Amino acid sequence: MRIFRRKEGGRIDPSRLPRHIAIVMDGNGRWARRRGLPRTVGHGVGAENFRAVATHCKELGIEYLTVYAFSTENWKRPVDEVETIMELLEKYLHEAIGKMEKDRVKMKFFGNTTVLTEKLRRLIAKTEEISARFEGVQVNICLNYGGRDEILRAVAQYAEDYAAGKAESLTEKRFSDYLFSAGIPDPDLVIRPSGEYRLSNFLLWQTAYSEFYFTDILWPDFDPKELDRAITAFQKRDRRYGGV
C-alpha cells in the first residue's frame, strides 16, 4: 500500500493509465457547511461533480471507475440527508437511462440493494440491463456497500455452495468470484479526497495492492485537473507486487 499526497504533478502518460480507478467521494457535507449551506446542498454539488469526473475518465480511456456513493454505515446519518442522497441517485439514474444510448457507459452496482425502495431497485435493474450490451468504460456504484459485509456475504455463499457440492476448495480467484466485483480487475489507484487517511470499509479485499492518493480537497472541488494529478502521481510509482 503506497500513499500519495497532492503535491505530485506533471503530464499524464496515455500508455500507462491505471486500468481501474476507485474513489471515495468524501467531503460533500463539509463543503456545504464551510459555505453556511445545508449538508444536503453539498451532496447535490458532489453528484454533479461525479458526472464531470466520470466523463473525464471516459475521455482518458480508463476502463473501470468505482465510486463509494453510500456505505452500510451511512444509514446513521440524519434522515433528511439520507433521503436527499437517495433522491439524487434516483434523479441521476433517470437521466442516465435517457442518455445511455449516446454515452454508452456501462453501469453496475455493488452492495445490498434489497433494502432500497422498490422504485430505486427497478431503476438499478433497468440501468444494468440496458448497459449490459455496451463496451467501453464501466462505472461501478457502491450503494449500501461495506467491505466487511461483502466479504461475509461471499464467505456465506461459498460455504453454502461447498456444502451442496457446487464449489471446489477455496482459492483467492474462487473467492473473488463471490464478491460484488466478480470478473472486474482490482483497482490500480484508490483516491480519497477530503483530508481523511483511511479506507472506511471500501473494497477491503480488492485494494490489497492498490496505490493510494490522498488530498485535502473536498469531493465537490475534486475536478478533472485533480484527477490528472492523481494519475500522474500513480504513474511515477514502480509497482512490484511484493517482488524486486
Protein backbone atom coordinates (compact mmCIF):
# COMPACT_ATOMS: atom_id res chain seq x y z
CA MET A 1 0.00 0.00 0.00
CA ARG A 2 1.70 3.20 -1.16
CA ILE A 3 0.39 6.65 -0.25
CA PHE A 4 0.46 9.75 -2.45
CA ARG A 5 -0.25 13.30 -1.39
CA ARG A 6 -1.42 16.15 -3.52
CA LYS A 7 1.95 17.78 -4.25
CA GLU A 8 2.53 15.43 -7.17
CA GLY A 9 2.11 16.87 -10.67
CA GLY A 10 3.13 16.51 -14.33
CA ARG A 11 1.65 15.22 -17.55
CA ILE A 12 -0.29 12.01 -17.97
CA ASP A 13 1.38 9.26 -19.97
CA PRO A 14 -1.51 7.77 -22.01
CA SER A 15 0.39 4.49 -22.38
CA ARG A 16 0.48 3.92 -18.59
CA LEU A 17 -3.04 4.70 -17.48
CA PRO A 18 -4.48 2.87 -14.47
CA ARG A 19 -6.96 0.35 -15.76
CA HIS A 20 -9.26 0.73 -12.74
CA ILE A 21 -9.68 3.81 -10.52
CA ALA A 22 -11.68 3.75 -7.29
CA ILE A 23 -12.78 6.93 -5.49
CA VAL A 24 -14.20 7.61 -2.03
CA MET A 25 -16.44 10.61 -2.79
CA ASP A 26 -15.95 12.28 0.59
CA GLY A 27 -16.41 15.81 1.89
CA ASN A 28 -19.79 16.90 0.50
CA GLY A 29 -21.21 17.84 3.90
CA ARG A 30 -18.11 19.74 4.98
CA TRP A 31 -18.01 21.58 1.65
CA ALA A 32 -21.55 22.86 2.27
CA ARG A 33 -21.01 23.65 5.95
CA ARG A 34 -17.97 25.82 5.17
CA ARG A 35 -20.24 27.89 2.96
CA GLY A 36 -23.03 28.16 5.50
CA LEU A 37 -25.26 25.82 3.49
CA PRO A 38 -27.18 22.67 4.47
CA ARG A 39 -25.21 19.44 4.08
CA THR A 40 -27.78 18.28 1.53
CA VAL A 41 -26.63 21.05 -0.85
CA GLY A 42 -23.14 19.60 -0.77
CA HIS A 43 -24.44 16.21 -1.88
CA GLY A 44 -26.12 17.84 -4.87
CA VAL A 45 -22.89 19.55 -5.92
CA GLY A 46 -20.97 16.33 -5.31
CA ALA A 47 -23.36 14.41 -7.57
CA GLU A 48 -22.77 16.89 -10.40
CA ASN A 49 -19.04 16.58 -9.87
CA PHE A 50 -19.32 12.81 -10.20
CA ARG A 51 -20.65 13.32 -13.73
CA ALA A 52 -17.67 15.51 -14.63
CA VAL A 53 -15.10 13.08 -13.23
CA ALA A 54 -16.79 10.04 -14.82
CA THR A 55 -16.86 11.81 -18.19
CA HIS A 56 -13.18 12.68 -17.85
CA CYS A 57 -12.35 9.04 -17.10
CA LYS A 58 -14.19 8.02 -20.24
CA GLU A 59 -12.32 10.61 -22.31
CA LEU A 60 -8.97 9.46 -20.92
CA GLY A 61 -9.71 5.83 -21.69
CA ILE A 62 -9.98 4.50 -18.13
CA GLU A 63 -11.67 1.09 -18.30
CA TYR A 64 -13.26 0.95 -14.83
CA LEU A 65 -14.32 3.62 -12.34
CA THR A 66 -15.69 2.54 -8.95
CA VAL A 67 -17.16 5.15 -6.61
CA TYR A 68 -18.26 4.90 -2.99
CA ALA A 69 -21.70 6.52 -3.06
CA PHE A 70 -23.35 5.22 0.14
CA SER A 71 -21.92 2.88 2.75
CA THR A 72 -23.62 0.43 5.08
CA GLU A 73 -22.71 2.86 7.88
CA ASN A 74 -24.24 5.92 6.19
CA TRP A 75 -27.73 4.96 7.40
CA LYS A 76 -26.67 6.51 10.72
CA ARG A 77 -26.79 9.98 9.16
CA PRO A 78 -29.78 12.34 9.59
CA VAL A 79 -32.92 11.12 7.83
CA ASP A 80 -33.18 14.18 5.56
CA GLU A 81 -29.58 13.71 4.41
CA VAL A 82 -30.13 10.03 3.57
CA GLU A 83 -33.34 10.89 1.71
CA THR A 84 -31.51 13.56 -0.29
CA ILE A 85 -28.78 11.13 -1.32
CA MET A 86 -31.35 8.57 -2.47
CA GLU A 87 -33.33 11.22 -4.36
CA LEU A 88 -30.17 12.40 -6.11
CA LEU A 89 -29.35 8.82 -7.10
CA GLU A 90 -32.86 8.33 -8.44
CA LYS A 91 -32.59 11.56 -10.45
CA TYR A 92 -29.19 10.56 -11.79
CA LEU A 93 -30.43 7.12 -12.90
CA HIS A 94 -33.43 8.61 -14.69
CA GLU A 95 -31.10 10.93 -16.60
CA ALA A 96 -28.51 8.20 -17.23
CA ILE A 97 -31.11 5.86 -18.71
CA GLY A 98 -32.20 8.61 -21.08
CA LYS A 99 -28.62 9.20 -22.29
CA MET A 100 -27.21 5.68 -22.21
CA GLU A 101 -27.50 5.01 -25.92
CA LYS A 102 -25.46 8.14 -26.60
CA ASP A 103 -22.95 7.89 -23.76
CA ARG A 104 -22.61 4.09 -23.89
CA VAL A 105 -21.33 3.92 -20.33
CA LYS A 106 -21.77 0.55 -18.66
CA MET A 107 -23.04 0.74 -15.08
CA LYS A 108 -23.07 -1.82 -12.28
CA PHE A 109 -23.97 -1.59 -8.60
CA PHE A 110 -22.06 -3.14 -5.71
CA GLY A 111 -23.84 -3.61 -2.39
CA ASN A 112 -27.01 -4.91 -0.80
CA THR A 113 -29.73 -3.18 -2.81
CA THR A 114 -32.58 -5.27 -1.35
CA VAL A 115 -33.19 -2.69 1.39
CA LEU A 116 -33.71 0.16 -1.10
CA THR A 117 -37.11 1.35 -2.30
CA GLU A 118 -38.83 -0.68 -4.98
CA LYS A 119 -38.66 2.29 -7.36
CA LEU A 120 -34.91 2.62 -6.92
CA ARG A 121 -34.39 -1.13 -7.32
CA ARG A 122 -36.32 -1.05 -10.61
CA LEU A 123 -34.17 1.83 -11.87
CA ILE A 124 -30.99 -0.01 -10.92
CA ALA A 125 -32.17 -3.19 -12.69
CA LYS A 126 -33.13 -1.23 -15.81
CA THR A 127 -29.80 0.62 -15.85
CA GLU A 128 -27.80 -2.61 -15.61
CA GLU A 129 -29.98 -4.31 -18.21
CA ILE A 130 -29.56 -1.52 -20.77
CA SER A 131 -25.83 -1.08 -20.20
CA ALA A 132 -25.00 -4.81 -20.32
CA ARG A 133 -24.61 -4.66 -24.10
CA PHE A 134 -22.25 -1.65 -24.09
CA GLU A 135 -18.48 -1.73 -24.42
CA GLY A 136 -16.09 0.87 -23.02
CA VAL A 137 -15.84 2.46 -19.58
CA GLN A 138 -17.69 0.69 -16.76
CA VAL A 139 -18.83 2.73 -13.78
CA ASN A 140 -19.41 0.73 -10.59
CA ILE A 141 -21.51 2.50 -7.95
CA CYS A 142 -21.10 1.18 -4.40
CA LEU A 143 -24.52 1.64 -2.82
CA ASN A 144 -25.34 0.35 0.67
CA TYR A 145 -21.91 -1.21 0.38
CA GLY A 146 -19.41 -2.24 3.05
CA GLY A 147 -16.20 -4.17 2.51
CA ARG A 148 -16.67 -6.36 5.56
CA ASP A 149 -20.29 -7.05 4.65
CA GLU A 150 -19.20 -8.04 1.14
CA ILE A 151 -16.62 -10.49 2.50
CA LEU A 152 -19.09 -12.05 4.95
CA ARG A 153 -21.66 -12.48 2.17
CA ALA A 154 -19.05 -14.10 -0.05
CA VAL A 155 -17.96 -16.50 2.71
CA ALA A 156 -21.57 -17.48 3.46
CA GLN A 157 -22.36 -18.11 -0.21
CA TYR A 158 -19.18 -20.14 -0.73
CA ALA A 159 -19.92 -22.23 2.37
CA GLU A 160 -23.42 -22.92 1.09
CA ASP A 161 -22.14 -23.91 -2.35
CA TYR A 162 -19.37 -26.06 -0.89
CA ALA A 163 -21.79 -27.91 1.40
CA ALA A 164 -24.00 -28.59 -1.61
CA GLY A 165 -21.06 -29.90 -3.63
CA LYS A 166 -21.19 -26.94 -6.01
CA ALA A 167 -17.78 -25.46 -5.12
CA GLU A 168 -14.20 -26.71 -5.04
CA SER A 169 -11.55 -25.93 -2.40
CA LEU A 170 -11.16 -22.20 -1.89
CA THR A 171 -8.52 -20.16 -3.70
CA GLU A 172 -8.12 -16.39 -4.00
CA LYS A 173 -9.54 -16.49 -7.51
CA ARG A 174 -12.56 -18.56 -6.49
CA PHE A 175 -13.22 -16.32 -3.51
CA SER A 176 -13.05 -13.20 -5.71
CA ASP A 177 -15.75 -14.71 -7.88
CA TYR A 178 -18.16 -14.48 -4.92
CA LEU A 179 -17.63 -10.74 -4.47
CA PHE A 180 -19.77 -7.98 -6.00
CA SER A 181 -16.76 -7.17 -8.18
CA ALA A 182 -16.52 -10.66 -9.71
CA GLY A 183 -14.82 -10.52 -13.10
CA ILE A 184 -13.55 -6.98 -12.62
CA PRO A 185 -9.82 -6.27 -12.13
CA ASP A 186 -8.78 -4.89 -8.75
CA PRO A 187 -8.32 -1.10 -8.53
CA ASP A 188 -4.89 0.13 -9.56
CA LEU A 189 -5.46 3.51 -7.93
CA VAL A 190 -7.65 4.48 -4.97
CA ILE A 191 -8.33 8.20 -4.46
CA ARG A 192 -9.54 9.66 -1.14
CA PRO A 193 -10.36 13.39 -1.13
CA SER A 194 -11.25 15.45 1.99
CA GLY A 195 -8.09 15.01 4.05
CA GLU A 196 -9.01 11.66 5.55
CA TYR A 197 -6.41 8.86 5.50
CA ARG A 198 -8.41 5.66 5.70
CA LEU A 199 -10.38 3.23 3.54
CA SER A 200 -13.62 3.48 5.54
CA ASN A 201 -14.63 -0.10 4.74
CA PHE A 202 -14.20 0.38 0.98
CA LEU A 203 -13.14 -2.56 -1.24
CA LEU A 204 -11.14 -4.21 1.55
CA TRP A 205 -10.31 -7.37 -0.40
CA GLN A 206 -9.77 -5.70 -3.76
CA THR A 207 -7.31 -3.00 -2.61
CA ALA A 208 -4.58 -5.34 -1.33
CA TYR A 209 -2.11 -4.00 -3.93
CA SER A 210 -3.73 -0.72 -4.93
CA GLU A 211 -1.83 2.56 -4.97
CA PHE A 212 -3.34 5.28 -2.76
CA TYR A 213 -3.66 9.01 -3.38
CA PHE A 214 -4.88 11.34 -0.63
CA THR A 215 -5.72 15.02 -0.93
CA ASP A 216 -7.22 17.68 1.35
CA ILE A 217 -9.52 18.85 -1.44
CA LEU A 218 -13.19 18.10 -0.72
CA TRP A 219 -15.05 15.98 -3.26
CA PRO A 220 -17.18 18.79 -4.80
CA ASP A 221 -13.90 20.59 -5.69
CA PHE A 222 -12.12 17.48 -6.95
CA ASP A 223 -12.25 18.35 -10.65
CA PRO A 224 -10.72 16.62 -13.70
CA LYS A 225 -7.45 18.51 -13.17
CA GLU A 226 -7.17 16.98 -9.70
CA LEU A 227 -7.82 13.56 -11.21
CA ASP A 228 -4.98 14.18 -13.66
CA ARG A 229 -2.67 14.98 -10.72
CA ALA A 230 -3.62 11.72 -9.04
CA ILE A 231 -2.95 9.75 -12.23
CA THR A 232 0.45 11.38 -12.84
CA ALA A 233 1.38 10.56 -9.24
CA PHE A 234 0.34 6.97 -9.83
CA GLN A 235 2.47 6.78 -12.96
CA LYS A 236 5.60 7.66 -11.01
CA ARG A 237 5.33 4.50 -8.94
CA ASP A 238 7.10 1.21 -9.54
CA ARG A 239 4.50 -1.47 -8.85
CA ARG A 240 6.37 -4.63 -7.84
CA TYR A 241 3.58 -6.62 -6.09
CA GLY A 242 5.98 -7.86 -3.44
CA GLY A 243 8.80 -8.59 -5.91
CA VAL A 244 12.09 -6.80 -6.51
